N, C-alpha and C. Protein backbone atom coordinates (compact mmCIF):
# COMPACT_ATOMS: atom_id res chain seq x y z
N UNK A 1 43.44 135.64 248.89
CA UNK A 1 43.25 134.49 248.01
C UNK A 1 41.76 134.17 247.97
N UNK A 2 41.25 133.97 246.80
CA UNK A 2 39.84 133.64 246.65
C UNK A 2 39.69 132.35 245.84
N UNK A 3 38.75 131.54 246.28
CA UNK A 3 38.47 130.29 245.56
C UNK A 3 37.06 130.41 245.00
N UNK A 4 36.94 130.30 243.70
CA UNK A 4 35.65 130.43 243.04
C UNK A 4 35.18 129.05 242.61
N UNK A 5 33.95 128.72 242.99
CA UNK A 5 33.38 127.42 242.63
C UNK A 5 32.16 127.67 241.76
N UNK A 6 32.18 127.12 240.57
CA UNK A 6 31.05 127.26 239.65
C UNK A 6 30.30 125.95 239.59
N UNK A 7 29.00 126.03 239.82
CA UNK A 7 28.21 124.81 239.79
C UNK A 7 27.82 124.42 238.36
N UNK A 8 27.69 125.39 237.48
CA UNK A 8 27.34 125.09 236.10
C UNK A 8 25.86 124.83 235.90
N UNK A 9 25.04 125.09 236.91
CA UNK A 9 23.61 124.82 236.78
C UNK A 9 22.91 125.84 235.87
N UNK A 10 23.46 127.03 235.77
CA UNK A 10 22.83 128.07 234.98
C UNK A 10 23.22 128.05 233.52
N UNK A 11 24.07 127.14 233.13
CA UNK A 11 24.53 127.10 231.74
C UNK A 11 23.56 126.32 230.87
N UNK A 12 23.53 126.72 229.61
CA UNK A 12 22.71 126.00 228.64
C UNK A 12 23.61 125.06 227.85
N UNK A 13 23.05 124.01 227.31
CA UNK A 13 23.85 123.06 226.55
C UNK A 13 24.40 123.70 225.28
N UNK A 14 23.74 124.72 224.76
CA UNK A 14 24.22 125.39 223.55
C UNK A 14 25.52 126.13 223.81
N UNK A 15 25.70 126.66 225.01
CA UNK A 15 26.93 127.40 225.30
C UNK A 15 28.13 126.47 225.39
N UNK A 16 27.91 125.21 225.74
CA UNK A 16 29.01 124.26 225.78
C UNK A 16 29.42 123.82 224.38
N UNK A 17 28.52 123.90 223.45
CA UNK A 17 28.81 123.45 222.09
C UNK A 17 29.71 124.42 221.34
N UNK A 18 29.96 125.60 221.90
CA UNK A 18 30.79 126.58 221.22
C UNK A 18 32.26 126.20 221.23
N UNK A 19 32.65 125.28 222.12
CA UNK A 19 34.03 124.84 222.16
C UNK A 19 34.93 125.79 222.92
N UNK A 20 34.37 126.58 223.80
CA UNK A 20 35.18 127.52 224.58
C UNK A 20 36.02 126.76 225.60
N UNK A 21 37.30 127.06 225.63
CA UNK A 21 38.21 126.39 226.56
C UNK A 21 38.44 127.23 227.82
N UNK A 22 37.81 128.40 227.88
CA UNK A 22 38.07 129.29 229.01
C UNK A 22 37.69 128.68 230.36
N UNK A 23 36.55 128.01 230.50
CA UNK A 23 36.23 127.41 231.80
C UNK A 23 37.25 126.35 232.23
N UNK A 24 37.80 125.62 231.27
CA UNK A 24 38.81 124.61 231.60
C UNK A 24 40.08 125.28 232.10
N UNK A 25 40.48 126.38 231.45
CA UNK A 25 41.67 127.10 231.89
C UNK A 25 41.46 127.71 233.26
N UNK A 26 40.25 128.24 233.51
CA UNK A 26 39.97 128.80 234.83
C UNK A 26 40.04 127.74 235.91
N UNK A 27 39.48 126.57 235.62
CA UNK A 27 39.50 125.49 236.60
C UNK A 27 40.94 125.05 236.86
N UNK A 28 41.73 124.90 235.79
CA UNK A 28 43.12 124.48 235.94
C UNK A 28 43.92 125.54 236.72
N UNK A 29 43.68 126.81 236.42
CA UNK A 29 44.38 127.88 237.13
C UNK A 29 44.00 127.90 238.60
N UNK A 30 42.74 127.66 238.88
CA UNK A 30 42.29 127.62 240.27
C UNK A 30 42.91 126.47 241.03
N UNK A 31 42.99 125.31 240.39
CA UNK A 31 43.61 124.14 241.03
C UNK A 31 45.10 124.40 241.27
N UNK A 32 45.77 124.97 240.29
CA UNK A 32 47.19 125.26 240.44
C UNK A 32 47.43 126.29 241.54
N UNK A 33 46.59 127.32 241.60
CA UNK A 33 46.74 128.36 242.61
C UNK A 33 46.51 127.79 244.01
N UNK A 34 45.48 126.96 244.14
CA UNK A 34 45.18 126.36 245.45
C UNK A 34 46.29 125.42 245.88
N UNK A 35 46.76 124.59 244.95
CA UNK A 35 47.84 123.66 245.27
C UNK A 35 49.12 124.41 245.63
N UNK A 36 49.41 125.45 244.87
CA UNK A 36 50.59 126.25 245.15
C UNK A 36 50.51 126.94 246.50
N UNK A 37 49.33 127.42 246.85
CA UNK A 37 49.16 128.09 248.14
C UNK A 37 49.37 127.11 249.29
N UNK A 38 48.78 125.93 249.17
CA UNK A 38 48.95 124.93 250.22
C UNK A 38 50.41 124.48 250.32
N UNK A 39 51.06 124.33 249.18
CA UNK A 39 52.47 123.94 249.19
C UNK A 39 53.32 125.00 249.86
N UNK A 40 53.04 126.26 249.53
CA UNK A 40 53.79 127.37 250.14
C UNK A 40 53.57 127.42 251.65
N UNK A 41 52.33 127.29 252.07
CA UNK A 41 52.04 127.32 253.51
C UNK A 41 52.69 126.13 254.22
N UNK A 42 52.65 124.96 253.60
CA UNK A 42 53.27 123.77 254.19
C UNK A 42 54.78 123.98 254.33
N UNK A 43 55.41 124.51 253.29
CA UNK A 43 56.85 124.77 253.35
C UNK A 43 57.16 125.82 254.40
N UNK A 44 56.31 126.81 254.54
CA UNK A 44 56.51 127.85 255.54
C UNK A 44 56.43 127.27 256.94
N UNK A 45 55.44 126.42 257.18
CA UNK A 45 55.29 125.80 258.50
C UNK A 45 56.46 124.88 258.81
N UNK A 46 56.88 124.09 257.82
CA UNK A 46 58.03 123.20 258.03
C UNK A 46 59.28 124.03 258.33
N UNK A 47 59.42 125.15 257.64
CA UNK A 47 60.58 126.02 257.89
C UNK A 47 60.55 126.64 259.27
N UNK A 48 59.37 126.94 259.79
CA UNK A 48 59.26 127.52 261.12
C UNK A 48 59.51 126.48 262.21
N UNK A 49 59.14 125.22 261.93
CA UNK A 49 59.33 124.17 262.93
C UNK A 49 60.83 123.87 263.09
N UNK A 50 61.56 123.84 261.98
CA UNK A 50 62.98 123.48 262.06
C UNK A 50 63.81 124.57 262.61
């Protein structure tokens, strides 16, 4: 599992004006993947304790 963090410092304001939704989808996918991983690990630990 890899977590990618983009600072956005290297971007130009002109590239944001293009209306590209790809960075938003990447951020949402990353949040969902991280949340899902933590949920899975939490459920696994709870299952091992019981």
